[in-house]
N, C-alpha and C. Protein backbone atom coordinates (compact mmCIF):
# COMPACT_ATOMS: atom_id res chain seq x y z
N UNK A 1 216.78 39.80 21.73
CA UNK A 1 217.17 38.41 21.51
C UNK A 1 217.96 38.30 20.23
N UNK A 2 218.97 37.45 20.24
CA UNK A 2 219.78 37.18 19.05
C UNK A 2 219.17 35.98 18.33
N UNK A 3 218.71 36.20 17.11
CA UNK A 3 218.03 35.17 16.33
C UNK A 3 218.84 34.86 15.08
N UNK A 4 219.31 33.62 14.95
CA UNK A 4 220.04 33.19 13.76
C UNK A 4 219.15 32.32 12.90
N UNK A 5 219.10 32.61 11.61
CA UNK A 5 218.32 31.81 10.67
C UNK A 5 219.31 31.16 9.72
N UNK A 6 219.65 29.91 9.99
CA UNK A 6 220.59 29.19 9.13
C UNK A 6 219.85 28.71 7.89
N UNK A 7 220.50 28.84 6.75
CA UNK A 7 219.77 28.61 5.51
C UNK A 7 218.88 29.79 5.21
N UNK A 8 219.27 30.93 5.72
CA UNK A 8 218.45 32.14 5.57
C UNK A 8 218.42 32.72 4.18
N UNK A 9 219.16 32.11 3.25
CA UNK A 9 219.10 32.55 1.86
C UNK A 9 218.08 31.76 1.06
N UNK A 10 217.50 30.72 1.67
CA UNK A 10 216.48 29.92 0.99
C UNK A 10 215.09 30.49 1.20
N UNK A 11 214.09 29.80 0.66
CA UNK A 11 212.72 30.34 0.63
C UNK A 11 212.13 30.56 2.02
N UNK A 12 212.09 29.51 2.84
CA UNK A 12 211.48 29.67 4.16
C UNK A 12 212.36 30.55 5.05
N UNK A 13 213.68 30.45 4.87
CA UNK A 13 214.58 31.32 5.62
C UNK A 13 214.36 32.78 5.30
N UNK A 14 214.16 33.07 4.03
CA UNK A 14 213.88 34.44 3.61
C UNK A 14 212.58 34.94 4.22
N UNK A 15 211.54 34.11 4.15
CA UNK A 15 210.25 34.53 4.68
C UNK A 15 210.30 34.81 6.16
N UNK A 16 210.95 33.93 6.91
CA UNK A 16 211.05 34.13 8.36
C UNK A 16 211.92 35.34 8.69
N UNK A 17 212.99 35.52 7.95
CA UNK A 17 213.85 36.69 8.19
C UNK A 17 213.09 37.98 7.96
N UNK A 18 212.33 38.05 6.89
CA UNK A 18 211.59 39.26 6.58
C UNK A 18 210.54 39.56 7.65
N UNK A 19 209.83 38.55 8.09
CA UNK A 19 208.77 38.78 9.08
C UNK A 19 209.33 39.10 10.46
N UNK A 20 210.37 38.38 10.90
CA UNK A 20 210.94 38.68 12.20
C UNK A 20 211.59 40.06 12.19
N UNK A 21 212.22 40.44 11.09
CA UNK A 21 212.83 41.77 11.01
C UNK A 21 211.77 42.86 10.97
N UNK A 22 210.64 42.57 10.32
CA UNK A 22 209.58 43.57 10.19
C UNK A 22 208.77 43.73 11.47
N UNK A 23 208.51 42.60 12.14
CA UNK A 23 207.53 42.60 13.24
C UNK A 23 208.15 42.62 14.63
N UNK A 24 209.45 42.42 14.76
CA UNK A 24 210.07 42.33 16.08
C UNK A 24 211.32 43.19 16.16
N UNK A 25 211.84 43.29 17.37
CA UNK A 25 213.09 44.02 17.59
C UNK A 25 214.27 43.07 17.78
N UNK A 26 214.09 41.80 17.49
CA UNK A 26 215.18 40.85 17.66
C UNK A 26 216.30 41.14 16.66
N UNK A 27 217.52 40.88 17.08
CA UNK A 27 218.67 41.01 16.19
C UNK A 27 218.70 39.79 15.28
N UNK A 28 218.68 40.01 13.97
CA UNK A 28 218.58 38.92 12.99
C UNK A 28 219.92 38.72 12.30
N UNK A 29 220.37 37.47 12.28
CA UNK A 29 221.57 37.10 11.52
C UNK A 29 221.22 35.98 10.56
N UNK A 30 221.59 36.17 9.31
CA UNK A 30 221.39 35.17 8.27
C UNK A 30 222.63 34.30 8.20
N UNK A 31 222.45 32.98 8.26
CA UNK A 31 223.56 32.06 8.14
C UNK A 31 223.50 31.29 6.83
N UNK A 32 224.67 30.96 6.30
CA UNK A 32 224.77 30.18 5.08
C UNK A 32 226.11 29.47 5.09
N UNK A 33 226.25 28.42 4.27
CA UNK A 33 227.56 27.80 4.13
C UNK A 33 228.55 28.78 3.52
N UNK A 34 228.04 29.75 2.76
CA UNK A 34 228.86 30.78 2.10
C UNK A 34 228.59 32.12 2.80
N UNK A 35 229.56 32.57 3.58
CA UNK A 35 229.37 33.81 4.35
C UNK A 35 229.11 35.00 3.44
N UNK A 36 229.80 35.07 2.30
CA UNK A 36 229.62 36.19 1.38
C UNK A 36 228.20 36.21 0.82
N UNK A 37 227.68 35.04 0.50
CA UNK A 37 226.31 34.96 0.00
C UNK A 37 225.33 35.42 1.06
N UNK A 38 225.56 35.03 2.31
CA UNK A 38 224.68 35.44 3.40
C UNK A 38 224.71 36.95 3.59
N UNK A 39 225.90 37.52 3.53
CA UNK A 39 226.04 38.97 3.70
C UNK A 39 225.33 39.72 2.58
N UNK A 40 225.51 39.23 1.35
CA UNK A 40 224.85 39.88 0.21
C UNK A 40 223.33 39.80 0.32
N UNK A 41 222.83 38.62 0.73
CA UNK A 41 221.39 38.46 0.85
C UNK A 41 220.84 39.31 1.99
N UNK A 42 221.60 39.46 3.05
CA UNK A 42 221.17 40.31 4.16
C UNK A 42 220.96 41.74 3.70
N UNK A 43 221.88 42.23 2.84
CA UNK A 43 221.73 43.60 2.31
C UNK A 43 220.46 43.70 1.47
N UNK A 44 220.18 42.66 0.68
CA UNK A 44 218.97 42.66 -0.14
C UNK A 44 217.72 42.72 0.74
N UNK A 45 217.71 41.94 1.83
CA UNK A 45 216.57 41.96 2.74
C UNK A 45 216.40 43.34 3.35
N UNK A 46 217.50 43.97 3.74
CA UNK A 46 217.43 45.32 4.32
C UNK A 46 216.81 46.31 3.34
N UNK A 47 217.19 46.21 2.07
CA UNK A 47 216.65 47.12 1.06
C UNK A 47 215.15 46.91 0.89
N UNK A 48 214.72 45.67 0.87
CA UNK A 48 213.29 45.39 0.72
C UNK A 48 212.51 45.87 1.93
N UNK A 49 213.07 45.68 3.11
CA UNK A 49 212.42 46.16 4.32
C UNK A 49 212.34 47.69 4.33
N UNK A 50 213.40 48.32 3.89
CA UNK A 50 213.42 49.78 3.84
C UNK A 50 212.34 50.31 2.91
N UNK A 51 212.10 49.59 1.82
CA UNK A 51 211.05 50.00 0.88
C UNK A 51 209.67 49.93 1.52
N UNK A 52 209.56 49.19 2.63
CA UNK A 52 208.30 49.10 3.38
C UNK A 52 208.40 49.87 4.68
N UNK A 53 209.30 50.86 4.70
CA UNK A 53 209.45 51.76 5.85
C UNK A 53 209.92 51.04 7.11
N UNK A 54 210.65 49.96 6.94
CA UNK A 54 211.25 49.25 8.07
C UNK A 54 212.76 49.41 7.98
N UNK A 55 213.31 50.21 8.87
CA UNK A 55 214.75 50.44 8.87
C UNK A 55 215.39 49.57 9.96
N UNK A 56 216.11 48.57 9.55
CA UNK A 56 216.72 47.65 10.50
C UNK A 56 217.99 47.07 9.91
N UNK A 57 218.82 46.53 10.75
CA UNK A 57 220.06 45.91 10.29
C UNK A 57 219.96 44.40 10.39
N UNK A 58 220.33 43.72 9.30
CA UNK A 58 220.40 42.26 9.28
C UNK A 58 221.83 41.87 8.97
N UNK A 59 222.38 40.99 9.78
CA UNK A 59 223.75 40.53 9.56
C UNK A 59 223.74 39.26 8.73
N UNK A 60 224.85 39.00 8.04
CA UNK A 60 224.99 37.78 7.26
C UNK A 60 226.37 37.20 7.44
N UNK A 61 226.45 35.91 7.72
CA UNK A 61 227.74 35.28 7.96
C UNK A 61 227.60 33.77 7.73
N UNK A 62 228.65 33.01 8.05
CA UNK A 62 228.57 31.56 7.90
C UNK A 62 227.71 30.96 9.00
N UNK A 63 227.24 29.74 8.77
CA UNK A 63 226.33 29.09 9.72
C UNK A 63 226.91 28.99 11.12
N UNK A 64 228.18 28.61 11.22
CA UNK A 64 228.80 28.42 12.52
C UNK A 64 228.85 29.71 13.32
N UNK A 65 229.27 30.79 12.69
CA UNK A 65 229.36 32.08 13.37
C UNK A 65 227.99 32.59 13.76
N UNK A 66 227.02 32.38 12.88
CA UNK A 66 225.65 32.83 13.18
C UNK A 66 225.10 32.10 14.39
N UNK A 67 225.30 30.78 14.44
CA UNK A 67 224.76 30.00 15.55
C UNK A 67 225.46 30.31 16.86
N UNK A 68 226.77 30.56 16.79
CA UNK A 68 227.55 30.75 18.01
C UNK A 68 227.08 31.93 18.84
N UNK A 69 226.60 32.98 18.18
CA UNK A 69 226.22 34.20 18.89
C UNK A 69 224.73 34.30 19.15
N UNK A 70 223.98 33.24 18.82
CA UNK A 70 222.51 33.32 18.87
C UNK A 70 221.94 32.77 20.17
N UNK A 71 220.76 33.27 20.51
CA UNK A 71 219.95 32.68 21.56
C UNK A 71 219.01 31.61 20.99
N UNK A 72 218.52 31.88 19.79
CA UNK A 72 217.62 30.97 19.08
C UNK A 72 218.15 30.75 17.68
N UNK A 73 218.19 29.49 17.25
CA UNK A 73 218.67 29.14 15.92
C UNK A 73 217.54 28.44 15.17
N UNK A 74 217.10 29.04 14.07
CA UNK A 74 216.10 28.43 13.21
C UNK A 74 216.83 27.72 12.07
N UNK A 75 216.60 26.42 11.93
CA UNK A 75 217.30 25.60 10.95
C UNK A 75 216.50 25.54 9.65
N UNK A 76 216.53 26.64 8.91
CA UNK A 76 215.79 26.73 7.65
C UNK A 76 216.61 26.09 6.53
N UNK A 77 216.94 24.83 6.73
CA UNK A 77 217.88 24.09 5.89
C UNK A 77 217.15 22.90 5.29
N UNK A 78 217.43 22.54 4.02
CA UNK A 78 216.78 21.35 3.45
C UNK A 78 216.98 20.12 4.33
N UNK A 79 215.98 19.27 4.43
CA UNK A 79 216.04 18.14 5.37
C UNK A 79 217.22 17.21 5.15
N UNK A 80 217.68 17.08 3.90
CA UNK A 80 218.79 16.17 3.64
C UNK A 80 220.14 16.76 4.05
N UNK A 81 220.16 18.03 4.46
CA UNK A 81 221.40 18.65 4.92
C UNK A 81 221.35 19.02 6.40
N UNK A 82 220.18 19.03 6.99
CA UNK A 82 220.04 19.60 8.34
C UNK A 82 220.78 18.77 9.38
N UNK A 83 220.77 17.45 9.26
CA UNK A 83 221.47 16.62 10.23
C UNK A 83 222.97 16.87 10.20
N UNK A 84 223.54 16.94 9.00
CA UNK A 84 224.98 17.21 8.87
C UNK A 84 225.31 18.59 9.42
N UNK A 85 224.41 19.54 9.22
CA UNK A 85 224.66 20.90 9.71
C UNK A 85 224.70 20.92 11.23
N UNK A 86 223.75 20.27 11.87
CA UNK A 86 223.71 20.23 13.34
C UNK A 86 224.94 19.52 13.89
N UNK A 87 225.32 18.42 13.26
CA UNK A 87 226.51 17.70 13.71
C UNK A 87 227.76 18.55 13.56
N UNK A 88 227.85 19.30 12.44
CA UNK A 88 229.01 20.17 12.23
C UNK A 88 229.07 21.27 13.28
N UNK A 89 227.92 21.83 13.63
CA UNK A 89 227.90 22.86 14.67
C UNK A 89 228.31 22.28 16.02
N UNK A 90 227.86 21.06 16.30
CA UNK A 90 228.23 20.42 17.57
C UNK A 90 229.72 20.13 17.61
N UNK A 91 230.28 19.64 16.50
CA UNK A 91 231.70 19.33 16.44
C UNK A 91 232.56 20.59 16.55
N UNK A 92 232.02 21.71 16.05
CA UNK A 92 232.74 22.98 16.14
C UNK A 92 232.59 23.61 17.53
N UNK A 93 231.82 22.97 18.38
CA UNK A 93 231.62 23.40 19.76
C UNK A 93 231.02 24.80 19.86
N UNK A 94 230.08 25.09 18.96
CA UNK A 94 229.41 26.39 18.99
C UNK A 94 228.01 26.30 19.59
N UNK A 95 227.56 25.06 19.87
CA UNK A 95 226.24 24.89 20.48
C UNK A 95 226.40 24.65 21.97
N UNK A 96 225.67 25.42 22.76
CA UNK A 96 225.70 25.23 24.21
C UNK A 96 224.28 25.04 24.72
N UNK A 97 223.56 26.15 24.83
CA UNK A 97 222.16 26.04 25.27
C UNK A 97 221.22 26.81 24.36
N UNK A 98 221.65 27.06 23.11
CA UNK A 98 220.75 27.72 22.17
C UNK A 98 219.51 26.87 21.93
N UNK A 99 218.41 27.51 21.68
CA UNK A 99 217.20 26.81 21.29
C UNK A 99 217.23 26.59 19.79
N UNK A 100 217.12 25.32 19.36
CA UNK A 100 217.06 24.99 17.95
C UNK A 100 215.61 24.78 17.54
N UNK A 101 215.21 25.43 16.46
CA UNK A 101 213.85 25.26 15.93
C UNK A 101 213.96 24.72 14.51
N UNK A 102 213.29 23.61 14.25
CA UNK A 102 213.32 23.01 12.92
C UNK A 102 211.99 23.20 12.21
N UNK A 103 212.01 23.86 11.02
CA UNK A 103 210.81 23.95 10.20
C UNK A 103 210.85 23.01 8.99
N UNK A 104 211.88 22.16 8.91
CA UNK A 104 212.10 21.36 7.71
C UNK A 104 211.12 20.19 7.62
N UNK A 105 210.81 19.80 6.39
CA UNK A 105 209.88 18.69 6.13
C UNK A 105 210.47 17.83 5.03
N UNK A 106 210.52 16.51 5.25
CA UNK A 106 210.98 15.59 4.22
C UNK A 106 209.87 15.29 3.22
N UNK A 107 210.12 15.59 1.95
CA UNK A 107 209.11 15.37 0.92
C UNK A 107 209.77 14.87 -0.36
N UNK A 108 209.00 14.18 -1.16
CA UNK A 108 209.42 13.84 -2.51
C UNK A 108 208.22 14.04 -3.42
N UNK A 109 208.49 14.23 -4.72
CA UNK A 109 207.42 14.53 -5.64
C UNK A 109 207.33 13.55 -6.79
N UNK A 110 206.15 13.41 -7.36
CA UNK A 110 205.94 12.65 -8.59
C UNK A 110 204.86 13.36 -9.39
N UNK A 111 204.33 12.70 -10.38
CA UNK A 111 203.34 13.35 -11.23
C UNK A 111 202.06 13.73 -10.52
N UNK A 112 201.79 13.09 -9.40
CA UNK A 112 200.56 13.38 -8.67
C UNK A 112 200.70 14.53 -7.68
N UNK A 113 201.91 14.79 -7.24
CA UNK A 113 202.12 15.85 -6.26
C UNK A 113 203.27 15.53 -5.34
N UNK A 114 203.26 16.15 -4.16
CA UNK A 114 204.29 15.92 -3.16
C UNK A 114 203.80 14.93 -2.10
N UNK A 115 204.73 14.16 -1.56
CA UNK A 115 204.39 13.15 -0.57
C UNK A 115 205.36 13.24 0.60
N UNK A 116 204.85 13.01 1.78
CA UNK A 116 205.66 13.10 2.99
C UNK A 116 206.66 11.94 3.03
N UNK A 117 207.92 12.26 3.23
CA UNK A 117 208.98 11.25 3.29
C UNK A 117 209.87 11.54 4.50
N UNK A 118 209.46 11.11 5.68
CA UNK A 118 210.24 11.38 6.88
C UNK A 118 211.47 10.48 6.95
N UNK A 119 212.48 10.88 7.71
CA UNK A 119 213.62 9.99 7.94
C UNK A 119 213.22 8.84 8.85
N UNK A 120 214.12 7.91 9.05
CA UNK A 120 213.81 6.71 9.83
C UNK A 120 213.46 7.03 11.28
N UNK A 121 213.88 8.18 11.77
CA UNK A 121 213.56 8.58 13.14
C UNK A 121 212.10 8.92 13.32
N UNK A 122 211.37 9.14 12.22
CA UNK A 122 209.95 9.45 12.30
C UNK A 122 209.59 10.83 11.83
N UNK A 123 210.50 11.80 12.01
CA UNK A 123 210.28 13.17 11.56
C UNK A 123 211.62 13.88 11.48
N UNK A 124 211.66 14.95 10.72
CA UNK A 124 212.89 15.73 10.63
C UNK A 124 213.20 16.38 11.97
N UNK A 125 212.18 16.83 12.69
CA UNK A 125 212.39 17.45 13.99
C UNK A 125 213.07 16.49 14.96
N UNK A 126 212.61 15.24 14.99
CA UNK A 126 213.24 14.24 15.85
C UNK A 126 214.65 13.91 15.36
N UNK A 127 214.85 13.94 14.07
CA UNK A 127 216.17 13.72 13.46
C UNK A 127 217.15 14.78 13.96
N UNK A 128 216.70 16.03 14.01
CA UNK A 128 217.53 17.12 14.53
C UNK A 128 217.85 16.89 16.00
N UNK A 129 216.83 16.51 16.77
CA UNK A 129 217.03 16.31 18.21
C UNK A 129 218.04 15.20 18.49
N UNK A 130 218.05 14.16 17.67
CA UNK A 130 219.00 13.07 17.86
C UNK A 130 220.44 13.52 17.65
N UNK A 131 220.63 14.52 16.80
CA UNK A 131 221.98 14.95 16.44
C UNK A 131 222.46 16.17 17.23
N UNK A 132 221.58 16.78 17.95
CA UNK A 132 221.96 17.94 18.76
C UNK A 132 222.54 17.47 20.09
N UNK A 133 223.44 18.24 20.68
CA UNK A 133 223.93 17.90 22.02
C UNK A 133 222.78 17.85 23.02
N UNK A 134 222.91 17.02 24.06
CA UNK A 134 221.83 16.85 25.03
C UNK A 134 221.44 18.14 25.72
N UNK A 135 222.39 19.07 25.84
CA UNK A 135 222.11 20.32 26.54
C UNK A 135 221.33 21.32 25.70
N UNK A 136 221.16 21.02 24.42
CA UNK A 136 220.53 21.97 23.49
C UNK A 136 219.08 21.58 23.26
N UNK A 137 218.13 22.43 23.65
CA UNK A 137 216.72 22.12 23.45
C UNK A 137 216.33 22.23 21.97
N UNK A 138 215.42 21.38 21.55
CA UNK A 138 214.96 21.34 20.16
C UNK A 138 213.44 21.42 20.12
N UNK A 139 212.93 22.19 19.19
CA UNK A 139 211.49 22.30 18.96
C UNK A 139 211.23 22.29 17.47
N UNK A 140 210.00 22.01 17.10
CA UNK A 140 209.57 22.11 15.71
C UNK A 140 208.50 23.17 15.58
N UNK A 141 208.61 23.99 14.54
CA UNK A 141 207.60 25.04 14.29
C UNK A 141 207.79 25.57 12.87
N UNK A 142 206.81 26.31 12.39
CA UNK A 142 206.84 27.00 11.10
C UNK A 142 206.75 26.05 9.91
N UNK A 143 206.44 24.77 10.14
CA UNK A 143 206.43 23.80 9.04
C UNK A 143 205.41 24.14 7.95
N UNK A 144 204.25 24.63 8.37
CA UNK A 144 203.13 24.75 7.44
C UNK A 144 202.90 26.16 6.92
N UNK A 145 203.88 27.05 7.13
CA UNK A 145 203.75 28.42 6.65
C UNK A 145 204.24 28.52 5.22
N UNK A 146 203.49 29.24 4.39
CA UNK A 146 203.86 29.40 2.98
C UNK A 146 204.99 30.41 2.86
N UNK A 147 206.12 29.97 2.34
CA UNK A 147 207.32 30.81 2.29
C UNK A 147 207.10 32.08 1.48
N UNK A 148 206.46 31.95 0.33
CA UNK A 148 206.26 33.13 -0.53
C UNK A 148 205.39 34.17 0.15
N UNK A 149 204.39 33.71 0.86
CA UNK A 149 203.49 34.66 1.55
C UNK A 149 204.21 35.33 2.71
N UNK A 150 205.04 34.59 3.41
CA UNK A 150 205.83 35.19 4.48
C UNK A 150 206.73 36.29 3.94
N UNK A 151 207.37 36.03 2.83
CA UNK A 151 208.34 36.97 2.27
C UNK A 151 207.70 38.21 1.68
N UNK A 152 206.41 38.13 1.37
CA UNK A 152 205.69 39.27 0.78
C UNK A 152 205.13 40.14 1.90
N UNK A 153 205.80 41.23 2.18
CA UNK A 153 205.39 42.09 3.29
C UNK A 153 204.09 42.82 3.02
N UNK A 154 203.61 42.79 1.79
CA UNK A 154 202.32 43.39 1.48
C UNK A 154 201.17 42.42 1.77
N UNK A 155 201.49 41.17 2.00
CA UNK A 155 200.48 40.15 2.27
C UNK A 155 200.12 40.15 3.75
N UNK A 156 198.84 40.11 4.04
CA UNK A 156 198.36 40.02 5.41
C UNK A 156 198.24 38.55 5.79
N UNK A 157 198.82 38.21 6.92
CA UNK A 157 198.80 36.83 7.37
C UNK A 157 197.64 36.58 8.34
N UNK A 158 197.08 35.41 8.27
CA UNK A 158 196.07 34.94 9.22
C UNK A 158 196.17 33.43 9.24
N UNK A 159 197.24 32.92 9.87
CA UNK A 159 197.54 31.49 9.83
C UNK A 159 197.97 31.01 11.22
N UNK A 160 197.88 29.71 11.40
CA UNK A 160 198.36 29.07 12.62
C UNK A 160 199.63 28.28 12.30
N UNK A 161 200.48 28.13 13.29
CA UNK A 161 201.62 27.23 13.18
C UNK A 161 201.67 26.37 14.42
N UNK A 162 201.92 25.09 14.24
CA UNK A 162 201.93 24.13 15.34
C UNK A 162 203.34 24.02 15.90
N UNK A 163 203.43 23.93 17.22
CA UNK A 163 204.71 23.89 17.93
C UNK A 163 204.82 22.58 18.67
N UNK A 164 205.92 21.85 18.44
CA UNK A 164 206.16 20.61 19.18
C UNK A 164 207.48 20.72 19.93
N UNK A 165 207.49 20.23 21.16
CA UNK A 165 208.70 20.22 21.98
C UNK A 165 208.45 19.28 23.15
N UNK A 166 209.48 18.58 23.57
CA UNK A 166 209.33 17.66 24.70
C UNK A 166 209.17 18.38 26.03
N UNK A 167 209.82 19.52 26.16
CA UNK A 167 209.77 20.29 27.40
C UNK A 167 208.73 21.40 27.26
N UNK A 168 207.70 21.44 28.11
CA UNK A 168 206.70 22.50 28.00
C UNK A 168 207.29 23.90 28.08
N UNK A 169 208.38 24.07 28.84
CA UNK A 169 209.01 25.39 28.93
C UNK A 169 209.62 25.79 27.60
N UNK A 170 210.15 24.82 26.86
CA UNK A 170 210.70 25.10 25.53
C UNK A 170 209.56 25.46 24.58
N UNK A 171 208.47 24.73 24.65
CA UNK A 171 207.30 25.05 23.83
C UNK A 171 206.83 26.47 24.11
N UNK A 172 206.80 26.85 25.38
CA UNK A 172 206.37 28.20 25.75
C UNK A 172 207.29 29.25 25.14
N UNK A 173 208.60 28.98 25.10
CA UNK A 173 209.54 29.93 24.50
C UNK A 173 209.25 30.13 23.02
N UNK A 174 208.99 29.04 22.33
CA UNK A 174 208.71 29.13 20.89
C UNK A 174 207.38 29.83 20.65
N UNK A 175 206.39 29.51 21.47
CA UNK A 175 205.09 30.18 21.34
C UNK A 175 205.24 31.68 21.55
N UNK A 176 206.00 32.08 22.56
CA UNK A 176 206.21 33.50 22.84
C UNK A 176 206.92 34.19 21.69
N UNK A 177 207.94 33.54 21.16
CA UNK A 177 208.70 34.10 20.03
C UNK A 177 207.80 34.26 18.82
N UNK A 178 207.02 33.23 18.52
CA UNK A 178 206.19 33.24 17.31
C UNK A 178 205.04 34.22 17.42
N UNK A 179 204.53 34.41 18.61
CA UNK A 179 203.39 35.31 18.81
C UNK A 179 203.72 36.75 18.44
N UNK A 180 205.01 37.07 18.34
CA UNK A 180 205.41 38.42 17.93
C UNK A 180 205.18 38.66 16.44
N UNK A 181 204.96 37.61 15.67
CA UNK A 181 204.74 37.76 14.23
C UNK A 181 203.27 38.08 13.97
N UNK A 182 203.03 39.20 13.33
CA UNK A 182 201.67 39.63 13.07
C UNK A 182 200.93 38.62 12.19
N UNK A 183 199.77 38.16 12.67
CA UNK A 183 198.95 37.27 11.88
C UNK A 183 199.34 35.82 11.94
N UNK A 184 200.31 35.47 12.81
CA UNK A 184 200.71 34.07 12.96
C UNK A 184 200.39 33.64 14.40
N UNK A 185 199.52 32.65 14.55
CA UNK A 185 199.14 32.17 15.87
C UNK A 185 199.83 30.84 16.16
N UNK A 186 200.69 30.78 17.17
CA UNK A 186 201.34 29.52 17.53
C UNK A 186 200.43 28.67 18.41
N UNK A 187 200.36 27.38 18.12
CA UNK A 187 199.52 26.46 18.88
C UNK A 187 200.37 25.28 19.33
N UNK A 188 200.49 25.06 20.64
CA UNK A 188 201.22 23.88 21.12
C UNK A 188 200.56 22.60 20.63
N UNK A 189 201.38 21.65 20.16
CA UNK A 189 200.84 20.39 19.62
C UNK A 189 201.50 19.18 20.27
N UNK A 190 202.09 19.37 21.46
CA UNK A 190 202.62 18.23 22.18
C UNK A 190 204.10 18.01 21.99
N UNK A 191 204.58 16.81 22.30
CA UNK A 191 206.01 16.51 22.26
C UNK A 191 206.53 16.26 20.85
N UNK A 192 207.83 16.03 20.75
CA UNK A 192 208.45 15.81 19.45
C UNK A 192 207.90 14.58 18.74
N UNK A 193 207.39 13.63 19.49
CA UNK A 193 206.82 12.43 18.87
C UNK A 193 205.61 12.75 18.01
N UNK A 194 205.04 13.93 18.15
CA UNK A 194 203.92 14.36 17.31
C UNK A 194 204.37 15.12 16.07
N UNK A 195 205.66 15.28 15.89
CA UNK A 195 206.17 16.10 14.78
C UNK A 195 205.80 15.53 13.43
N UNK A 196 205.76 14.21 13.29
CA UNK A 196 205.43 13.63 11.99
C UNK A 196 204.06 14.06 11.51
N UNK A 197 203.09 14.06 12.43
CA UNK A 197 201.74 14.50 12.06
C UNK A 197 201.73 15.95 11.63
N UNK A 198 202.51 16.77 12.32
CA UNK A 198 202.58 18.20 11.98
C UNK A 198 203.26 18.40 10.63
N UNK A 199 204.40 17.75 10.45
CA UNK A 199 205.15 17.93 9.21
C UNK A 199 204.39 17.43 7.99
N UNK A 200 203.61 16.37 8.17
CA UNK A 200 202.91 15.77 7.03
C UNK A 200 201.83 16.67 6.45
N UNK A 201 201.45 17.71 7.19
CA UNK A 201 200.48 18.65 6.65
C UNK A 201 201.05 19.46 5.48
N UNK A 202 202.36 19.64 5.47
CA UNK A 202 202.97 20.53 4.47
C UNK A 202 202.76 20.04 3.04
N UNK A 203 203.10 18.79 2.70
CA UNK A 203 202.82 18.37 1.32
C UNK A 203 201.34 18.40 0.98
N UNK A 204 200.47 18.14 1.96
CA UNK A 204 199.03 18.23 1.71
C UNK A 204 198.65 19.64 1.28
N UNK A 205 199.14 20.64 2.00
CA UNK A 205 198.80 22.03 1.67
C UNK A 205 199.32 22.42 0.29
N UNK A 206 200.53 21.97 -0.02
CA UNK A 206 201.10 22.29 -1.34
C UNK A 206 200.28 21.63 -2.44
N UNK A 207 199.82 20.40 -2.21
CA UNK A 207 199.01 19.71 -3.21
C UNK A 207 197.66 20.39 -3.39
N UNK A 208 197.08 20.87 -2.28
CA UNK A 208 195.82 21.61 -2.40
C UNK A 208 195.99 22.83 -3.29
N UNK A 209 197.08 23.56 -3.08
CA UNK A 209 197.34 24.74 -3.91
C UNK A 209 197.53 24.35 -5.37
N UNK A 210 198.17 23.23 -5.59
CA UNK A 210 198.43 22.78 -6.97
C UNK A 210 197.15 22.46 -7.71
N UNK A 211 196.19 21.86 -7.03
CA UNK A 211 194.98 21.38 -7.70
C UNK A 211 193.81 22.37 -7.64
N UNK A 212 194.04 23.54 -7.09
CA UNK A 212 192.98 24.55 -7.01
C UNK A 212 193.54 25.90 -7.44
N UNK A 213 193.12 26.36 -8.60
CA UNK A 213 193.69 27.57 -9.18
C UNK A 213 193.46 28.81 -8.33
N UNK A 214 192.39 28.81 -7.53
CA UNK A 214 192.07 29.99 -6.74
C UNK A 214 192.68 29.93 -5.34
N UNK A 215 193.54 28.95 -5.10
CA UNK A 215 194.15 28.81 -3.78
C UNK A 215 195.67 28.78 -3.92
N UNK A 216 196.30 29.83 -3.43
CA UNK A 216 197.75 29.95 -3.50
C UNK A 216 198.29 30.20 -2.10
N UNK A 217 199.51 29.73 -1.85
CA UNK A 217 200.15 29.94 -0.54
C UNK A 217 199.20 29.53 0.57
N UNK A 218 198.70 28.32 0.49
CA UNK A 218 197.69 27.83 1.42
C UNK A 218 198.29 27.66 2.83
N UNK A 219 197.52 28.06 3.84
CA UNK A 219 197.89 27.85 5.22
C UNK A 219 196.76 27.17 5.97
N UNK A 220 196.92 27.02 7.28
CA UNK A 220 195.87 26.38 8.06
C UNK A 220 195.53 27.25 9.27
N UNK A 221 194.28 27.18 9.68
CA UNK A 221 193.84 27.76 10.95
C UNK A 221 193.00 26.72 11.66
N UNK A 222 193.05 26.74 12.99
CA UNK A 222 192.32 25.78 13.79
C UNK A 222 191.35 26.53 14.71
N UNK A 223 190.15 25.97 14.86
CA UNK A 223 189.16 26.60 15.71
C UNK A 223 188.28 25.53 16.36
């Protein structure tokens, strides 16, 4: 499978790139607004993977080129840029039937911590769906995974991630893809209208880590 991670030079993009490259045989391409930056970061990821006895190739290019050749596109892009990015990809006519996965969460911070700040559509995932072409399926996943822990290949994962999608077949695709990641259990959580509840867990987890010295890179498990 061709997997493009747009915004793959950022924290969550880096973590997902490292884990998918380490745990799966999917072809990974890092996308960025700056193709040279993406290419340079891809080489860095390869070197880190090699240090953990994982020999694989990661490509790096601009967002449009990365998305055009992909089967699955993970939008690891800040929420205030993700809508513009999807619209730009649609206008460039590079989106056809790729699966778009949004892990972005709208948040703002103050002296007390981080707070959930969704767009007017209700959630970032729904915001992405509104801007994607009708033929392009959209799902939400990976919202509550700690980026630093994902990127640390020496860290053992034991976390759940919630998957939202309007089409059960799309949800199944995301669940299947995610299940390839060691220590990450995907759990279907219903349609996109449930994305706000899923996304709002992220600032809560970050605040828990902030107020508890013995808890870092907090995740969730359900039983």
